[in-house]
Amino acid sequence: MKGRGIVLNEPSVIALNRQTGDVLATGREAWQMIGRTPGYIVAVRPLRGGAITDFDITERMIRLLLQRVGVTRFNRPKVVICVPSAITEVERRAVTDAARRAGAADAQLIEQPMAAAIGADLPIDEPVGNMVIDVGGGTSETAVISLGGIVALEAVRVGSFDIDAAIQNYVRREHGIAIGERTAEEIKVAIGSADPTDEETQAEVRGRDLMSGLPKVVTLTPEEIRMAIEDVVAAIVQSVIRCLSKAPAELAQDFLIRGMFLCGGGGMLRGLKERIERETQVPVHMSPMPLEAVVLGAGHCIEHYEALKSMFMGARR
């Protein structure tokens, strides 16, 4: 909200009663239900890989989020939604339709790297190369931005949810234990890293033994987790390298001086900044608020709607 900044900050999860279709919880409350509900209650993420997997549920979630910040039928707001750059025309229409049907007066889309650059206060209107690496839940995008437009872009549909899935698969395969999505995320936050770090501790993990079906505890080391998530981390780093190679030669020298900016929740993975720096030989700076950079950029677009209208996806086509 203008003057107040972020007033609602929730994970995009919704819990539904399958039998009645009622919404039981959204956001953090629903996230805590993942993997802990009876059969007739489902906790789902309606967005996967940066795309809508369930249109109706997404619409309901947007409507509930708008209601929670006091939007009614009479004060329909302008909405700016951040989407992956690799989004298709059909996916774009699905997102704007969902927002309009949920109560938005106008729904505009902005590419996540562009919003992240605005949120990180980069001089995107100047003729200098700004490079943003946005590692989200379902997608990782690297973009070179100059003079208010995207000059080079590399997007891959892997992100921090894939890191969680890789941890789940590894624990299942190597230790014969089934763990849930939430436990995998907790392991990632506790001991996950993309490069060896100074302070490394082990973590105890509780799960269900696949052979006996009984609860079991195993100890995981940071090396094991690094090995488990290596494929996902390598895919993210390779996409950054490909984007650098696409950038015009004149802008390449800007990156060596100004560095690249890392943001998004996945960008907070320990050692990822150092790993990208090592493999690209280009300095990397962490965005001051990596999790919120994209949203702050979208908020800035709403506050200066007329001035920044050219940044929206439809406007530049």
C-alpha atoms as a PDB file:
ATOM      1  CA  MET A   1       0.000   0.000   0.000  1.00  0.00           C
ATOM      2  CA  LYS A   2       1.176   3.504  -0.784  1.00  0.00           C
ATOM      3  CA  GLY A   3       3.206   4.879   2.078  1.00  0.00           C
ATOM      4  CA  ARG A   4       3.068   1.567   3.966  1.00  0.00           C
ATOM      5  CA  GLY A   5       4.894  -0.822   1.650  1.00  0.00           C
ATOM      6  CA  ILE A   6       4.130  -4.536   1.902  1.00  0.00           C
ATOM      7  CA  VAL A   7       0.928  -5.211   3.869  1.00  0.00           C
ATOM      8  CA  LEU A   8       0.444  -8.895   3.037  1.00  0.00           C
ATOM      9  CA  ASN A   9       3.195 -11.432   2.483  1.00  0.00           C
ATOM     10  CA  GLU A  10       2.080 -15.055   2.145  1.00  0.00           C
ATOM     11  CA  PRO A  11       3.206 -18.204   0.309  1.00  0.00           C
ATOM     12  CA  SER A  12       1.016 -19.092  -2.690  1.00  0.00           C
ATOM     13  CA  VAL A  13      -0.668 -22.139  -1.178  1.00  0.00           C
ATOM     14  CA  ILE A  14      -4.386 -22.798  -0.695  1.00  0.00           C
ATOM     15  CA  ALA A  15      -6.107 -25.573   1.320  1.00  0.00           C
ATOM     16  CA  LEU A  16      -9.445 -26.896   0.044  1.00  0.00           C
ATOM     17  CA  ASN A  17     -12.057 -29.373   1.199  1.00  0.00           C
ATOM     18  CA  ARG A  18     -12.364 -31.742  -1.786  1.00  0.00           C
ATOM     19  CA  GLN A  19     -15.894 -32.828  -0.888  1.00  0.00           C
ATOM     20  CA  THR A  20     -17.499 -29.407  -0.483  1.00  0.00           C
ATOM     21  CA  GLY A  21     -15.074 -27.267  -2.495  1.00  0.00           C
ATOM     22  CA  ASP A  22     -14.725 -24.858   0.469  1.00  0.00           C
ATOM     23  CA  VAL A  23     -11.487 -22.956   0.996  1.00  0.00           C
ATOM     24  CA  LEU A  24     -10.145 -23.774   4.458  1.00  0.00           C
ATOM     25  CA  ALA A  25      -6.992 -21.665   4.514  1.00  0.00           C
ATOM     26  CA  THR A  26      -4.610 -19.672   2.325  1.00  0.00           C
ATOM     27  CA  GLY A  27      -1.008 -18.606   2.612  1.00  0.00           C
ATOM     28  CA  ARG A  28       1.112 -19.547   5.599  1.00  0.00           C
ATOM     29  CA  GLU A  29      -1.737 -21.333   7.348  1.00  0.00           C
ATOM     30  CA  ALA A  30      -2.297 -23.539   4.279  1.00  0.00           C
ATOM     31  CA  TRP A  31       1.451 -24.095   3.851  1.00  0.00           C
ATOM     32  CA  GLN A  32       1.592 -25.621   7.327  1.00  0.00           C
ATOM     33  CA  MET A  33      -1.073 -28.127   6.226  1.00  0.00           C
ATOM     34  CA  ILE A  34       0.973 -29.512   3.293  1.00  0.00           C
ATOM     35  CA  GLY A  35       1.372 -33.254   3.822  1.00  0.00           C
ATOM     36  CA  ARG A  36      -0.563 -33.180   7.123  1.00  0.00           C
ATOM     37  CA  THR A  37      -4.178 -33.301   6.011  1.00  0.00           C
ATOM     38  CA  PRO A  38      -6.816 -36.053   5.878  1.00  0.00           C
ATOM     39  CA  GLY A  39      -7.665 -37.408   2.413  1.00  0.00           C
ATOM     40  CA  TYR A  40     -10.548 -35.048   1.708  1.00  0.00           C
ATOM     41  CA  ILE A  41      -8.487 -31.898   2.401  1.00  0.00           C
ATOM     42  CA  VAL A  42      -5.857 -30.884  -0.152  1.00  0.00           C
ATOM     43  CA  ALA A  43      -3.201 -28.220   0.276  1.00  0.00           C
ATOM     44  CA  VAL A  44      -2.070 -27.176  -3.193  1.00  0.00           C
ATOM     45  CA  ARG A  45       0.190 -24.662  -4.897  1.00  0.00           C
ATOM     46  CA  PRO A  46      -1.944 -23.461  -7.839  1.00  0.00           C
ATOM     47  CA  LEU A  47       1.197 -22.193  -9.573  1.00  0.00           C
ATOM     48  CA  ARG A  48       3.921 -24.579 -10.715  1.00  0.00           C
ATOM     49  CA  GLY A  49       6.891 -23.825 -12.931  1.00  0.00           C
ATOM     50  CA  GLY A  50       5.712 -20.219 -13.027  1.00  0.00           C
ATOM     51  CA  ALA A  51       2.430 -21.194 -14.714  1.00  0.00           C
ATOM     52  CA  ILE A  52      -1.128 -21.649 -13.477  1.00  0.00           C
ATOM     53  CA  THR A  53      -1.900 -25.344 -13.026  1.00  0.00           C
ATOM     54  CA  ASP A  54      -5.432 -24.795 -11.749  1.00  0.00           C
ATOM     55  CA  PHE A  55      -7.291 -21.760 -13.045  1.00  0.00           C
ATOM     56  CA  ASP A  56     -10.260 -21.816 -10.631  1.00  0.00           C
ATOM     57  CA  ILE A  57      -8.126 -22.287  -7.543  1.00  0.00           C
ATOM     58  CA  THR A  58      -5.775 -19.472  -8.605  1.00  0.00           C
ATOM     59  CA  GLU A  59      -8.739 -17.143  -9.079  1.00  0.00           C
ATOM     60  CA  ARG A  60     -10.075 -18.028  -5.633  1.00  0.00           C
ATOM     61  CA  MET A  61      -6.689 -17.483  -4.056  1.00  0.00           C
ATOM     62  CA  ILE A  62      -6.280 -14.027  -5.653  1.00  0.00           C
ATOM     63  CA  ARG A  63      -9.825 -13.120  -4.554  1.00  0.00           C
ATOM     64  CA  LEU A  64      -9.100 -14.162  -0.938  1.00  0.00           C
ATOM     65  CA  LEU A  65      -5.809 -12.257  -0.884  1.00  0.00           C
ATOM     66  CA  LEU A  66      -7.557  -9.122  -2.182  1.00  0.00           C
ATOM     67  CA  GLN A  67     -10.279  -9.510   0.458  1.00  0.00           C
ATOM     68  CA  ARG A  68      -7.684  -9.811   3.201  1.00  0.00           C
ATOM     69  CA  VAL A  69      -6.269  -6.393   2.338  1.00  0.00           C
ATOM     70  CA  GLY A  70      -9.731  -4.823   2.314  1.00  0.00           C
ATOM     71  CA  VAL A  71     -10.699  -4.876  -1.371  1.00  0.00           C
ATOM     72  CA  THR A  72     -14.472  -4.945  -1.926  1.00  0.00           C
ATOM     73  CA  ARG A  73     -16.771  -4.859  -4.983  1.00  0.00           C
ATOM     74  CA  PHE A  74     -16.702  -1.066  -4.791  1.00  0.00           C
ATOM     75  CA  ASN A  75     -12.961  -0.339  -4.634  1.00  0.00           C
ATOM     76  CA  ARG A  76     -11.614  -2.524  -7.410  1.00  0.00           C
ATOM     77  CA  PRO A  77      -7.833  -2.040  -7.524  1.00  0.00           C
ATOM     78  CA  LYS A  78      -5.316  -1.913 -10.335  1.00  0.00           C
ATOM     79  CA  VAL A  79      -3.242  -5.072 -10.142  1.00  0.00           C
ATOM     80  CA  VAL A  80       0.274  -5.702 -11.411  1.00  0.00           C
ATOM     81  CA  ILE A  81       1.298  -9.356 -11.522  1.00  0.00           C
ATOM     82  CA  CYS A  82       4.897 -10.513 -11.931  1.00  0.00           C
ATOM     83  CA  VAL A  83       5.254 -13.424 -14.330  1.00  0.00           C
ATOM     84  CA  PRO A  84       8.165 -15.418 -15.822  1.00  0.00           C
ATOM     85  CA  SER A  85       9.516 -13.958 -19.079  1.00  0.00           C
ATOM     86  CA  ALA A  86       9.119 -17.340 -20.759  1.00  0.00           C
ATOM     87  CA  ILE A  87       5.332 -17.253 -20.252  1.00  0.00           C
ATOM     88  CA  THR A  88       3.222 -18.118 -23.317  1.00  0.00           C
ATOM     89  CA  GLU A  89       0.379 -16.023 -24.732  1.00  0.00           C
ATOM     90  CA  VAL A  90      -2.184 -18.517 -23.360  1.00  0.00           C
ATOM     91  CA  GLU A  91      -0.604 -18.435 -19.881  1.00  0.00           C
ATOM     92  CA  ARG A  92      -0.576 -14.629 -19.964  1.00  0.00           C
ATOM     93  CA  ARG A  93      -4.281 -14.530 -20.733  1.00  0.00           C
ATOM     94  CA  ALA A  94      -5.005 -17.055 -17.967  1.00  0.00           C
ATOM     95  CA  VAL A  95      -3.233 -14.871 -15.383  1.00  0.00           C
ATOM     96  CA  THR A  96      -4.942 -11.602 -16.359  1.00  0.00           C
ATOM     97  CA  ASP A  97      -8.360 -13.298 -16.602  1.00  0.00           C
ATOM     98  CA  ALA A  98      -7.928 -14.868 -13.154  1.00  0.00           C
ATOM     99  CA  ALA A  99      -7.062 -11.471 -11.637  1.00  0.00           C
ATOM    100  CA  ARG A 100      -9.949  -9.653 -13.362  1.00  0.00           C
ATOM    101  CA  ARG A 101     -12.466 -12.305 -12.344  1.00  0.00           C
ATOM    102  CA  ALA A 102     -11.145 -12.127  -8.792  1.00  0.00           C
ATOM    103  CA  GLY A 103     -12.026  -8.426  -8.587  1.00  0.00           C
ATOM    104  CA  ALA A 104      -9.234  -6.392 -10.206  1.00  0.00           C
ATOM    105  CA  ALA A 105     -10.264  -3.347 -12.243  1.00  0.00           C
ATOM    106  CA  ASP A 106      -7.198  -3.675 -14.439  1.00  0.00           C
ATOM    107  CA  ALA A 107      -4.511  -6.375 -14.485  1.00  0.00           C
ATOM    108  CA  GLN A 108      -1.131  -5.754 -16.052  1.00  0.00           C
ATOM    109  CA  LEU A 109       1.784  -8.169 -16.282  1.00  0.00           C
ATOM    110  CA  ILE A 110       5.453  -7.400 -15.787  1.00  0.00           C
ATOM    111  CA  GLU A 111       8.381  -9.752 -16.301  1.00  0.00           C
ATOM    112  CA  GLN A 112       9.961 -10.842 -13.017  1.00  0.00           C
ATOM    113  CA  PRO A 113      13.550  -9.778 -13.879  1.00  0.00           C
ATOM    114  CA  MET A 114      12.287  -6.324 -14.901  1.00  0.00           C
ATOM    115  CA  ALA A 115      10.311  -5.964 -11.644  1.00  0.00           C
ATOM    116  CA  ALA A 116      13.343  -7.225  -9.683  1.00  0.00           C
ATOM    117  CA  ALA A 117      15.586  -4.606 -11.329  1.00  0.00           C
ATOM    118  CA  ILE A 118      13.094  -1.841 -10.445  1.00  0.00           C
ATOM    119  CA  GLY A 119      12.793  -3.227  -6.887  1.00  0.00           C
ATOM    120  CA  ALA A 120      16.597  -3.347  -6.496  1.00  0.00           C
ATOM    121  CA  ASP A 121      16.816   0.338  -7.552  1.00  0.00           C
ATOM    122  CA  LEU A 122      18.953  -0.325 -10.623  1.00  0.00           C
ATOM    123  CA  PRO A 123      19.243   2.494 -13.198  1.00  0.00           C
ATOM    124  CA  ILE A 124      17.251   0.595 -15.831  1.00  0.00           C
ATOM    125  CA  ASP A 125      16.504   3.695 -17.964  1.00  0.00           C
ATOM    126  CA  GLU A 126      20.167   4.534 -18.514  1.00  0.00           C
ATOM    127  CA  PRO A 127      22.290   3.138 -21.366  1.00  0.00           C
ATOM    128  CA  VAL A 128      24.224   0.835 -19.032  1.00  0.00           C
ATOM    129  CA  GLY A 129      23.977  -2.929 -18.670  1.00  0.00           C
ATOM    130  CA  ASN A 130      22.064  -4.074 -15.579  1.00  0.00           C
ATOM    131  CA  MET A 131      22.072  -7.815 -15.064  1.00  0.00           C
ATOM    132  CA  VAL A 132      19.529  -9.442 -12.780  1.00  0.00           C
ATOM    133  CA  ILE A 133      19.452 -13.102 -11.716  1.00  0.00           C
ATOM    134  CA  ASP A 134      16.052 -13.974 -10.255  1.00  0.00           C
ATOM    135  CA  VAL A 135      15.814 -17.453  -8.762  1.00  0.00           C
ATOM    136  CA  GLY A 136      12.161 -18.039  -7.900  1.00  0.00           C
ATOM    137  CA  GLY A 137      10.181 -21.067  -6.794  1.00  0.00           C
ATOM    138  CA  GLY A 138       9.420 -22.499 -10.225  1.00  0.00           C
ATOM    139  CA  THR A 139      11.653 -20.532 -12.603  1.00  0.00           C
ATOM    140  CA  SER A 140      15.130 -18.984 -12.703  1.00  0.00           C
ATOM    141  CA  GLU A 141      15.613 -16.012 -14.990  1.00  0.00           C
ATOM    142  CA  THR A 142      18.639 -14.000 -15.924  1.00  0.00           C
ATOM    143  CA  ALA A 143      18.116 -10.773 -17.830  1.00  0.00           C
ATOM    144  CA  VAL A 144      20.263  -7.954 -19.160  1.00  0.00           C
ATOM    145  CA  ILE A 145      18.341  -4.690 -18.971  1.00  0.00           C
ATOM    146  CA  SER A 146      19.323  -1.420 -20.615  1.00  0.00           C
ATOM    147  CA  LEU A 147      17.334   1.694 -21.590  1.00  0.00           C
ATOM    148  CA  GLY A 148      14.151   0.343 -20.005  1.00  0.00           C
ATOM    149  CA  GLY A 149      14.059  -2.891 -21.995  1.00  0.00           C
ATOM    150  CA  ILE A 150      15.333  -6.456 -21.819  1.00  0.00           C
ATOM    151  CA  VAL A 151      18.356  -6.838 -24.115  1.00  0.00           C
ATOM    152  CA  ALA A 152      19.186 -10.490 -23.413  1.00  0.00           C
ATOM    153  CA  LEU A 153      17.239 -13.113 -21.505  1.00  0.00           C
ATOM    154  CA  GLU A 154      17.728 -16.685 -20.392  1.00  0.00           C
ATOM    155  CA  ALA A 155      14.928 -18.423 -18.501  1.00  0.00           C
ATOM    156  CA  VAL A 156      14.811 -22.000 -17.229  1.00  0.00           C
ATOM    157  CA  ARG A 157      11.871 -23.671 -15.519  1.00  0.00           C
ATOM    158  CA  VAL A 158      13.869 -24.779 -12.494  1.00  0.00           C
ATOM    159  CA  GLY A 159      13.904 -23.057  -9.143  1.00  0.00           C
ATOM    160  CA  SER A 160      13.818 -23.582  -5.403  1.00  0.00           C
ATOM    161  CA  PHE A 161      10.852 -26.022  -5.555  1.00  0.00           C
ATOM    162  CA  ASP A 162      13.088 -28.250  -7.702  1.00  0.00           C
ATOM    163  CA  ILE A 163      15.800 -28.031  -5.037  1.00  0.00           C
ATOM    164  CA  ASP A 164      13.230 -29.234  -2.456  1.00  0.00           C
ATOM    165  CA  ALA A 165      12.163 -32.089  -4.766  1.00  0.00           C
ATOM    166  CA  ALA A 166      15.808 -33.100  -5.327  1.00  0.00           C
ATOM    167  CA  ILE A 167      16.330 -33.298  -1.544  1.00  0.00           C
ATOM    168  CA  GLN A 168      13.161 -35.420  -1.177  1.00  0.00           C
ATOM    169  CA  ASN A 169      14.314 -37.818  -3.909  1.00  0.00           C
ATOM    170  CA  TYR A 170      17.826 -38.102  -2.491  1.00  0.00           C
ATOM    171  CA  VAL A 171      16.645 -38.919   1.054  1.00  0.00           C
ATOM    172  CA  ARG A 172      14.225 -41.472  -0.363  1.00  0.00           C
ATOM    173  CA  ARG A 173      16.837 -43.102  -2.614  1.00  0.00           C
ATOM    174  CA  GLU A 174      19.884 -43.076  -0.317  1.00  0.00           C
ATOM    175  CA  HIS A 175      18.315 -43.408   3.129  1.00  0.00           C
ATOM    176  CA  GLY A 176      15.041 -45.192   2.329  1.00  0.00           C
ATOM    177  CA  ILE A 177      12.993 -42.513   4.082  1.00  0.00           C
ATOM    178  CA  ALA A 178       9.952 -40.639   2.789  1.00  0.00           C
ATOM    179  CA  ILE A 179       9.891 -36.951   3.763  1.00  0.00           C
ATOM    180  CA  GLY A 180       7.408 -34.247   2.809  1.00  0.00           C
ATOM    181  CA  GLU A 181       7.807 -31.027   0.840  1.00  0.00           C
ATOM    182  CA  ARG A 182       7.942 -28.904   3.984  1.00  0.00           C
ATOM    183  CA  THR A 183      10.652 -31.055   5.623  1.00  0.00           C
ATOM    184  CA  ALA A 184      12.724 -30.865   2.418  1.00  0.00           C
ATOM    185  CA  GLU A 185      12.436 -27.064   2.472  1.00  0.00           C
ATOM    186  CA  GLU A 186      13.489 -26.963   6.129  1.00  0.00           C
ATOM    187  CA  ILE A 187      16.564 -29.106   5.324  1.00  0.00           C
ATOM    188  CA  LYS A 188      17.458 -26.746   2.457  1.00  0.00           C
ATOM    189  CA  VAL A 189      17.232 -23.684   4.719  1.00  0.00           C
ATOM    190  CA  ALA A 190      19.146 -25.381   7.567  1.00  0.00           C
ATOM    191  CA  ILE A 191      22.083 -27.007   5.735  1.00  0.00           C
ATOM    192  CA  GLY A 192      21.597 -26.570   1.975  1.00  0.00           C
ATOM    193  CA  SER A 193      24.389 -24.870   0.010  1.00  0.00           C
ATOM    194  CA  ALA A 194      25.632 -24.507  -3.565  1.00  0.00           C
ATOM    195  CA  ASP A 195      29.306 -24.232  -2.560  1.00  0.00           C
ATOM    196  CA  PRO A 196      31.223 -25.363   0.547  1.00  0.00           C
ATOM    197  CA  THR A 197      30.836 -22.774   3.339  1.00  0.00           C
ATOM    198  CA  ASP A 198      32.773 -22.113   6.551  1.00  0.00           C
ATOM    199  CA  GLU A 199      30.264 -23.122   9.178  1.00  0.00           C
ATOM    200  CA  GLU A 200      28.766 -26.459   8.275  1.00  0.00           C
ATOM    201  CA  THR A 201      26.561 -28.457  10.597  1.00  0.00           C
ATOM    202  CA  GLN A 202      24.666 -31.688  10.199  1.00  0.00           C
ATOM    203  CA  ALA A 203      20.908 -31.986  10.449  1.00  0.00           C
ATOM    204  CA  GLU A 204      18.705 -34.684  11.911  1.00  0.00           C
ATOM    205  CA  VAL A 205      15.765 -35.599   9.717  1.00  0.00           C
ATOM    206  CA  ARG A 206      12.701 -37.508  10.773  1.00  0.00           C
ATOM    207  CA  GLY A 207      10.659 -39.392   8.205  1.00  0.00           C
ATOM    208  CA  ARG A 208       8.899 -42.653   7.452  1.00  0.00           C
ATOM    209  CA  ASP A 209      11.038 -45.702   6.718  1.00  0.00           C
ATOM    210  CA  LEU A 210       9.904 -47.073   3.342  1.00  0.00           C
ATOM    211  CA  MET A 211      10.693 -50.685   4.298  1.00  0.00           C
ATOM    212  CA  SER A 212       9.150 -50.944   7.764  1.00  0.00           C
ATOM    213  CA  GLY A 213       6.714 -48.030   7.548  1.00  0.00           C
ATOM    214  CA  LEU A 214       7.931 -46.859  10.983  1.00  0.00           C
ATOM    215  CA  PRO A 215       9.232 -43.390  11.892  1.00  0.00           C
ATOM    216  CA  LYS A 216      13.020 -43.156  11.593  1.00  0.00           C
ATOM    217  CA  VAL A 217      15.713 -40.537  12.171  1.00  0.00           C
ATOM    218  CA  VAL A 218      18.744 -40.068   9.902  1.00  0.00           C
ATOM    219  CA  THR A 219      21.558 -37.516   9.969  1.00  0.00           C
ATOM    220  CA  LEU A 220      22.312 -35.594   6.782  1.00  0.00           C
ATOM    221  CA  THR A 221      25.511 -33.691   6.000  1.00  0.00           C
ATOM    222  CA  PRO A 222      25.855 -30.508   3.909  1.00  0.00           C
ATOM    223  CA  GLU A 223      28.028 -32.474   1.391  1.00  0.00           C
ATOM    224  CA  GLU A 224      25.164 -34.909   0.821  1.00  0.00           C
ATOM    225  CA  ILE A 225      22.688 -32.097   0.203  1.00  0.00           C
ATOM    226  CA  ARG A 226      25.116 -30.360  -2.171  1.00  0.00           C
ATOM    227  CA  MET A 227      25.394 -33.586  -4.117  1.00  0.00           C
ATOM    228  CA  ALA A 228      21.596 -34.032  -4.125  1.00  0.00           C
ATOM    229  CA  ILE A 229      20.883 -30.557  -5.515  1.00  0.00           C
ATOM    230  CA  GLU A 230      23.911 -30.291  -7.837  1.00  0.00           C
ATOM    231  CA  ASP A 231      21.891 -30.814 -11.050  1.00  0.00           C
ATOM    232  CA  VAL A 232      19.447 -28.023 -10.214  1.00  0.00           C
ATOM    233  CA  VAL A 233      22.183 -25.596  -9.103  1.00  0.00           C
ATOM    234  CA  ALA A 234      24.253 -26.379 -12.231  1.00  0.00           C
ATOM    235  CA  ALA A 235      21.194 -25.675 -14.451  1.00  0.00           C
ATOM    236  CA  ILE A 236      20.753 -22.258 -12.776  1.00  0.00           C
ATOM    237  CA  VAL A 237      24.464 -21.360 -13.112  1.00  0.00           C
ATOM    238  CA  GLN A 238      24.541 -22.506 -16.762  1.00  0.00           C
ATOM    239  CA  SER A 239      21.550 -20.283 -17.593  1.00  0.00           C
ATOM    240  CA  VAL A 240      23.470 -17.278 -16.158  1.00  0.00           C
ATOM    241  CA  ILE A 241      26.498 -18.162 -18.321  1.00  0.00           C
ATOM    242  CA  ARG A 242      24.289 -18.460 -21.436  1.00  0.00           C
ATOM    243  CA  CYS A 243      22.738 -15.056 -20.740  1.00  0.00           C
ATOM    244  CA  LEU A 244      26.178 -13.449 -20.345  1.00  0.00           C
ATOM    245  CA  SER A 245      27.228 -14.887 -23.703  1.00  0.00           C
ATOM    246  CA  LYS A 246      24.117 -13.401 -25.367  1.00  0.00           C
ATOM    247  CA  ALA A 247      24.760  -9.866 -24.055  1.00  0.00           C
ATOM    248  CA  PRO A 248      26.143  -7.257 -26.502  1.00  0.00           C
ATOM    249  CA  ALA A 249      29.917  -6.715 -26.176  1.00  0.00           C
ATOM    250  CA  GLU A 250      29.437  -3.029 -25.229  1.00  0.00           C
ATOM    251  CA  LEU A 251      27.389  -3.993 -22.185  1.00  0.00           C
ATOM    252  CA  ALA A 252      29.677  -6.861 -21.116  1.00  0.00           C
ATOM    253  CA  GLN A 253      32.236  -4.409 -19.698  1.00  0.00           C
ATOM    254  CA  ASP A 254      29.503  -2.868 -17.489  1.00  0.00           C
ATOM    255  CA  PHE A 255      28.983  -6.186 -15.692  1.00  0.00           C
ATOM    256  CA  LEU A 256      32.669  -6.434 -14.745  1.00  0.00           C
ATOM    257  CA  ILE A 257      32.439  -3.013 -13.075  1.00  0.00           C
ATOM    258  CA  ARG A 258      28.854  -3.053 -11.768  1.00  0.00           C
ATOM    259  CA  GLY A 259      28.445  -6.787 -11.214  1.00  0.00           C
ATOM    260  CA  MET A 260      25.244  -8.840 -11.428  1.00  0.00           C
ATOM    261  CA  PHE A 261      22.364  -8.670  -8.952  1.00  0.00           C
ATOM    262  CA  LEU A 262      20.991 -11.833  -7.379  1.00  0.00           C
ATOM    263  CA  CYS A 263      17.457 -11.904  -5.993  1.00  0.00           C
ATOM    264  CA  GLY A 264      14.486 -14.205  -5.428  1.00  0.00           C
ATOM    265  CA  GLY A 265      14.017 -16.703  -2.596  1.00  0.00           C
ATOM    266  CA  GLY A 266      16.188 -19.299  -4.339  1.00  0.00           C
ATOM    267  CA  GLY A 267      19.000 -16.740  -4.554  1.00  0.00           C
ATOM    268  CA  MET A 268      19.297 -16.958  -0.763  1.00  0.00           C
ATOM    269  CA  LEU A 269      20.695 -20.506  -0.995  1.00  0.00           C
ATOM    270  CA  ARG A 270      24.052 -20.454   0.808  1.00  0.00           C
ATOM    271  CA  GLY A 271      27.043 -20.320  -1.496  1.00  0.00           C
ATOM    272  CA  LEU A 272      25.029 -19.652  -4.675  1.00  0.00           C
ATOM    273  CA  LYS A 273      26.407 -16.110  -4.998  1.00  0.00           C
ATOM    274  CA  GLU A 274      30.001 -17.409  -4.617  1.00  0.00           C
ATOM    275  CA  ARG A 275      29.378 -20.281  -7.032  1.00  0.00           C
ATOM    276  CA  ILE A 276      28.072 -17.944  -9.783  1.00  0.00           C
ATOM    277  CA  GLU A 277      30.988 -15.542  -9.159  1.00  0.00           C
ATOM    278  CA  ARG A 278      33.508 -18.379  -9.444  1.00  0.00           C
ATOM    279  CA  GLU A 279      32.071 -19.852 -12.638  1.00  0.00           C
ATOM    280  CA  THR A 280      31.447 -16.562 -14.478  1.00  0.00           C
ATOM    281  CA  GLN A 281      34.379 -14.485 -13.118  1.00  0.00           C
ATOM    282  CA  VAL A 282      31.896 -11.618 -12.732  1.00  0.00           C
ATOM    283  CA  PRO A 283      31.119 -10.014  -9.337  1.00  0.00           C
ATOM    284  CA  VAL A 284      27.666 -10.826  -7.906  1.00  0.00           C
ATOM    285  CA  HIS A 285      25.796  -8.613  -5.427  1.00  0.00           C
ATOM    286  CA  MET A 286      22.928  -9.810  -3.280  1.00  0.00           C
ATOM    287  CA  SER A 287      19.804  -7.676  -3.592  1.00  0.00           C
ATOM    288  CA  PRO A 288      19.072  -5.935  -0.216  1.00  0.00           C
ATOM    289  CA  MET A 289      15.690  -7.718   0.073  1.00  0.00           C
ATOM    290  CA  PRO A 290      16.030 -10.768  -2.198  1.00  0.00           C
ATOM    291  CA  LEU A 291      12.643 -12.298  -1.379  1.00  0.00           C
ATOM    292  CA  GLU A 292      10.725  -9.056  -1.840  1.00  0.00           C
ATOM    293  CA  ALA A 293      12.696  -7.399  -4.692  1.00  0.00           C
ATOM    294  CA  VAL A 294      10.236  -8.475  -7.408  1.00  0.00           C
ATOM    295  CA  VAL A 295       7.178  -7.434  -5.386  1.00  0.00           C
ATOM    296  CA  LEU A 296       8.707  -4.069  -4.419  1.00  0.00           C
ATOM    297  CA  GLY A 297       9.358  -3.435  -8.120  1.00  0.00           C
ATOM    298  CA  ALA A 298       5.711  -4.219  -8.928  1.00  0.00           C
ATOM    299  CA  GLY A 299       4.611  -1.892  -6.100  1.00  0.00           C
ATOM    300  CA  HIS A 300       6.791   0.861  -7.546  1.00  0.00           C
ATOM    301  CA  CYS A 301       5.038   0.353 -10.922  1.00  0.00           C
ATOM    302  CA  ILE A 302       1.616   0.753  -9.247  1.00  0.00           C
ATOM    303  CA  GLU A 303       2.688   3.918  -7.416  1.00  0.00           C
ATOM    304  CA  HIS A 304       4.106   5.453 -10.611  1.00  0.00           C
ATOM    305  CA  TYR A 305       1.578   3.803 -12.927  1.00  0.00           C
ATOM    306  CA  GLU A 306       1.559   6.359 -15.752  1.00  0.00           C
ATOM    307  CA  ALA A 307       5.340   6.868 -15.791  1.00  0.00           C
ATOM    308  CA  LEU A 308       6.156   3.147 -15.821  1.00  0.00           C
ATOM    309  CA  LYS A 309       3.276   1.934 -18.032  1.00  0.00           C
ATOM    310  CA  SER A 310       5.777   1.172 -20.816  1.00  0.00           C
ATOM    311  CA  MET A 311       7.326  -1.564 -18.633  1.00  0.00           C
ATOM    312  CA  PHE A 312       4.234  -3.799 -18.805  1.00  0.00           C
ATOM    313  CA  MET A 313       4.271  -6.801 -21.099  1.00  0.00           C
ATOM    314  CA  GLY A 314       1.444  -5.758 -23.418  1.00  0.00           C
ATOM    315  CA  ALA A 315       2.800  -2.221 -23.808  1.00  0.00           C
ATOM    316  CA  ARG A 316       6.097  -3.178 -25.399  1.00  0.00           C
ATOM    317  CA  ARG A 317       4.767  -5.622 -27.945  1.00  0.00           C
END
